[in-house]
Amino acid sequence: MQAEVNQELCISCGACIDVCPEVFDWNDEEKAQTILDEVPDQLESQASEAAESCPTDAIVIN
């Protein structure tokens, strides 16, 4: 599973980082980004929850 944050849609609310800090963190522009190339199996449900918590649907899970 992979997660990606669309930088144009991210409004820096931090919901994804609060829900799953092992996968998401702030970048230099103070927007969320993924910090892992592959989401580990044990974090898939948290990463999906983080995507669902995004108010702008900026996170895509593949």
Protein backbone atom coordinates (compact mmCIF):
# COMPACT_ATOMS: atom_id res chain seq x y z
CA MET A 1 0.00 0.00 0.00
CA GLN A 2 1.17 3.51 -0.81
CA ALA A 3 -0.07 6.89 0.40
CA GLU A 4 0.41 10.22 -1.32
CA VAL A 5 -0.49 13.78 -0.30
CA ASN A 6 -1.56 16.18 -3.03
CA GLN A 7 0.34 19.31 -2.07
CA GLU A 8 -2.07 21.59 -3.93
CA LEU A 9 -5.02 20.33 -1.88
CA CYS A 10 -3.30 20.13 1.52
CA ILE A 11 -4.37 22.94 3.87
CA SER A 12 -1.98 21.97 6.70
CA CYS A 13 -4.71 20.97 9.13
CA GLY A 14 -2.54 18.17 10.57
CA ALA A 15 -5.32 15.59 10.94
CA CYS A 16 -3.35 12.93 9.07
CA ILE A 17 -0.26 13.53 11.21
CA ASP A 18 -2.34 13.29 14.39
CA VAL A 19 -3.88 9.99 13.27
CA CYS A 20 -0.79 8.35 11.75
CA PRO A 21 2.51 10.10 12.55
CA GLU A 22 4.45 6.99 11.49
CA VAL A 23 3.43 7.66 7.86
CA PHE A 24 2.76 11.42 7.67
CA ASP A 25 4.81 14.42 8.77
CA TRP A 26 5.33 18.08 7.88
CA ASN A 27 7.49 19.09 4.94
CA ASP A 28 9.57 22.27 4.59
CA GLU A 29 6.51 24.15 3.29
CA GLU A 30 4.53 23.18 6.40
CA LYS A 31 2.26 20.85 4.47
CA ALA A 32 1.73 17.17 5.15
CA GLN A 33 3.78 14.61 3.29
CA THR A 34 4.31 10.88 3.42
CA ILE A 35 7.57 9.82 5.01
CA LEU A 36 7.48 6.16 3.92
CA ASP A 37 7.56 4.79 0.36
CA GLU A 38 5.46 1.80 1.40
CA VAL A 39 2.95 1.77 4.24
CA PRO A 40 3.69 -1.26 6.45
CA ASP A 41 0.87 -3.78 6.82
CA GLN A 42 0.42 -2.97 10.50
CA LEU A 43 -0.18 0.73 9.68
CA GLU A 44 -2.58 0.33 6.75
CA SER A 45 -5.74 0.88 8.79
CA GLN A 46 -4.26 3.99 10.45
CA ALA A 47 -3.13 5.39 7.09
CA SER A 48 -6.60 4.80 5.64
CA GLU A 49 -8.16 6.50 8.66
CA ALA A 50 -5.80 9.45 8.14
CA ALA A 51 -6.89 9.72 4.51
CA GLU A 52 -10.55 9.66 5.56
CA SER A 53 -9.90 12.38 8.13
CA CYS A 54 -8.48 14.78 5.52
CA PRO A 55 -11.01 17.60 5.03
CA THR A 56 -9.84 18.30 1.47
CA ASP A 57 -9.36 14.67 0.32
CA ALA A 58 -5.70 15.47 -0.38
CA ILE A 59 -4.52 11.96 0.53
CA VAL A 60 -4.64 9.18 -2.03
CA ILE A 61 -4.19 5.58 -0.90
CA ASN A 62 -3.15 3.00 -3.52
